[in-house]
N, C-alpha and C. Protein backbone atom coordinates (compact mmCIF):
# COMPACT_ATOMS: atom_id res chain seq x y z
N MET A 1 0.26 -48.90 57.44
CA MET A 1 0.56 -48.37 58.79
C MET A 1 -0.26 -47.09 59.01
N PRO A 2 -0.97 -47.02 60.11
CA PRO A 2 -1.77 -45.82 60.37
C PRO A 2 -0.91 -44.59 60.59
N LEU A 3 -1.48 -43.45 60.25
CA LEU A 3 -0.76 -42.18 60.38
C LEU A 3 -0.33 -41.95 61.83
N HIS A 4 -1.17 -42.37 62.76
CA HIS A 4 -0.89 -42.21 64.19
C HIS A 4 0.46 -42.85 64.54
N THR A 5 0.71 -44.05 64.00
CA THR A 5 1.96 -44.75 64.30
C THR A 5 3.15 -44.01 63.70
N VAL A 6 2.99 -43.50 62.49
CA VAL A 6 4.08 -42.76 61.84
C VAL A 6 4.46 -41.55 62.68
N ASP A 7 3.46 -40.83 63.17
CA ASP A 7 3.73 -39.66 64.01
C ASP A 7 4.51 -40.06 65.26
N SER A 8 4.11 -41.16 65.88
CA SER A 8 4.79 -41.61 67.10
C SER A 8 6.24 -41.95 66.82
N VAL A 9 6.49 -42.66 65.72
CA VAL A 9 7.85 -43.05 65.37
C VAL A 9 8.70 -41.81 65.08
N LEU A 10 8.14 -40.86 64.32
CA LEU A 10 8.89 -39.64 64.00
C LEU A 10 9.23 -38.88 65.27
N TYR A 11 8.26 -38.76 66.17
CA TYR A 11 8.49 -38.05 67.42
C TYR A 11 9.60 -38.73 68.23
N TYR A 12 9.56 -40.06 68.27
CA TYR A 12 10.57 -40.84 68.99
C TYR A 12 11.95 -40.59 68.40
N LEU A 13 12.06 -40.65 67.08
CA LEU A 13 13.36 -40.44 66.42
C LEU A 13 13.88 -39.04 66.69
N VAL A 14 13.01 -38.04 66.61
CA VAL A 14 13.44 -36.65 66.84
C VAL A 14 13.94 -36.48 68.27
N THR A 15 13.24 -37.11 69.22
CA THR A 15 13.65 -37.00 70.63
C THR A 15 15.02 -37.61 70.84
N ILE A 16 15.23 -38.82 70.30
CA ILE A 16 16.53 -39.49 70.43
C ILE A 16 17.62 -38.65 69.78
N ALA A 17 17.34 -38.14 68.58
CA ALA A 17 18.35 -37.37 67.84
C ALA A 17 18.75 -36.12 68.62
N SER A 18 17.78 -35.42 69.19
CA SER A 18 18.11 -34.19 69.93
C SER A 18 18.92 -34.53 71.18
N MET A 19 18.61 -35.66 71.83
CA MET A 19 19.39 -36.07 73.00
C MET A 19 20.84 -36.35 72.61
N VAL A 20 21.03 -37.06 71.50
CA VAL A 20 22.38 -37.39 71.04
C VAL A 20 23.14 -36.12 70.69
N ILE A 21 22.48 -35.20 70.00
CA ILE A 21 23.15 -33.95 69.59
C ILE A 21 23.55 -33.15 70.83
N GLU A 22 22.67 -33.11 71.83
CA GLU A 22 23.00 -32.38 73.06
C GLU A 22 24.22 -33.00 73.74
N GLN A 23 24.27 -34.34 73.81
CA GLN A 23 25.41 -35.01 74.42
C GLN A 23 26.69 -34.67 73.66
N GLN A 24 26.64 -34.76 72.33
CA GLN A 24 27.83 -34.51 71.52
C GLN A 24 28.29 -33.07 71.67
N SER A 25 27.39 -32.12 71.63
CA SER A 25 27.78 -30.71 71.76
C SER A 25 28.34 -30.46 73.15
N GLY A 26 27.82 -31.14 74.17
CA GLY A 26 28.35 -30.99 75.51
C GLY A 26 29.78 -31.51 75.60
N GLU A 27 30.04 -32.65 74.96
CA GLU A 27 31.39 -33.20 74.97
C GLU A 27 32.35 -32.28 74.23
N ILE A 28 31.91 -31.73 73.10
CA ILE A 28 32.76 -30.82 72.32
C ILE A 28 33.09 -29.58 73.16
N ALA A 29 32.10 -29.07 73.89
CA ALA A 29 32.33 -27.89 74.73
C ALA A 29 33.35 -28.22 75.81
N LEU A 30 33.25 -29.43 76.37
CA LEU A 30 34.22 -29.83 77.40
C LEU A 30 35.62 -29.88 76.82
N LEU A 31 35.75 -30.46 75.62
CA LEU A 31 37.08 -30.56 75.00
C LEU A 31 37.64 -29.18 74.71
N ARG A 32 36.80 -28.26 74.27
CA ARG A 32 37.29 -26.92 73.93
C ARG A 32 37.69 -26.13 75.18
N SER A 33 37.02 -26.39 76.30
CA SER A 33 37.28 -25.60 77.50
C SER A 33 38.63 -25.97 78.13
N ARG A 34 39.19 -27.12 77.77
CA ARG A 34 40.47 -27.53 78.36
C ARG A 34 41.61 -26.70 77.79
């Protein structure tokens, strides 16, 4: 597998992970504010 593809996959995974973490932290903040 070319290095270029590995970089793309890593970038994709990091983007998805940060989106999920943001969603989860937002939900936790909502629960705490109640």
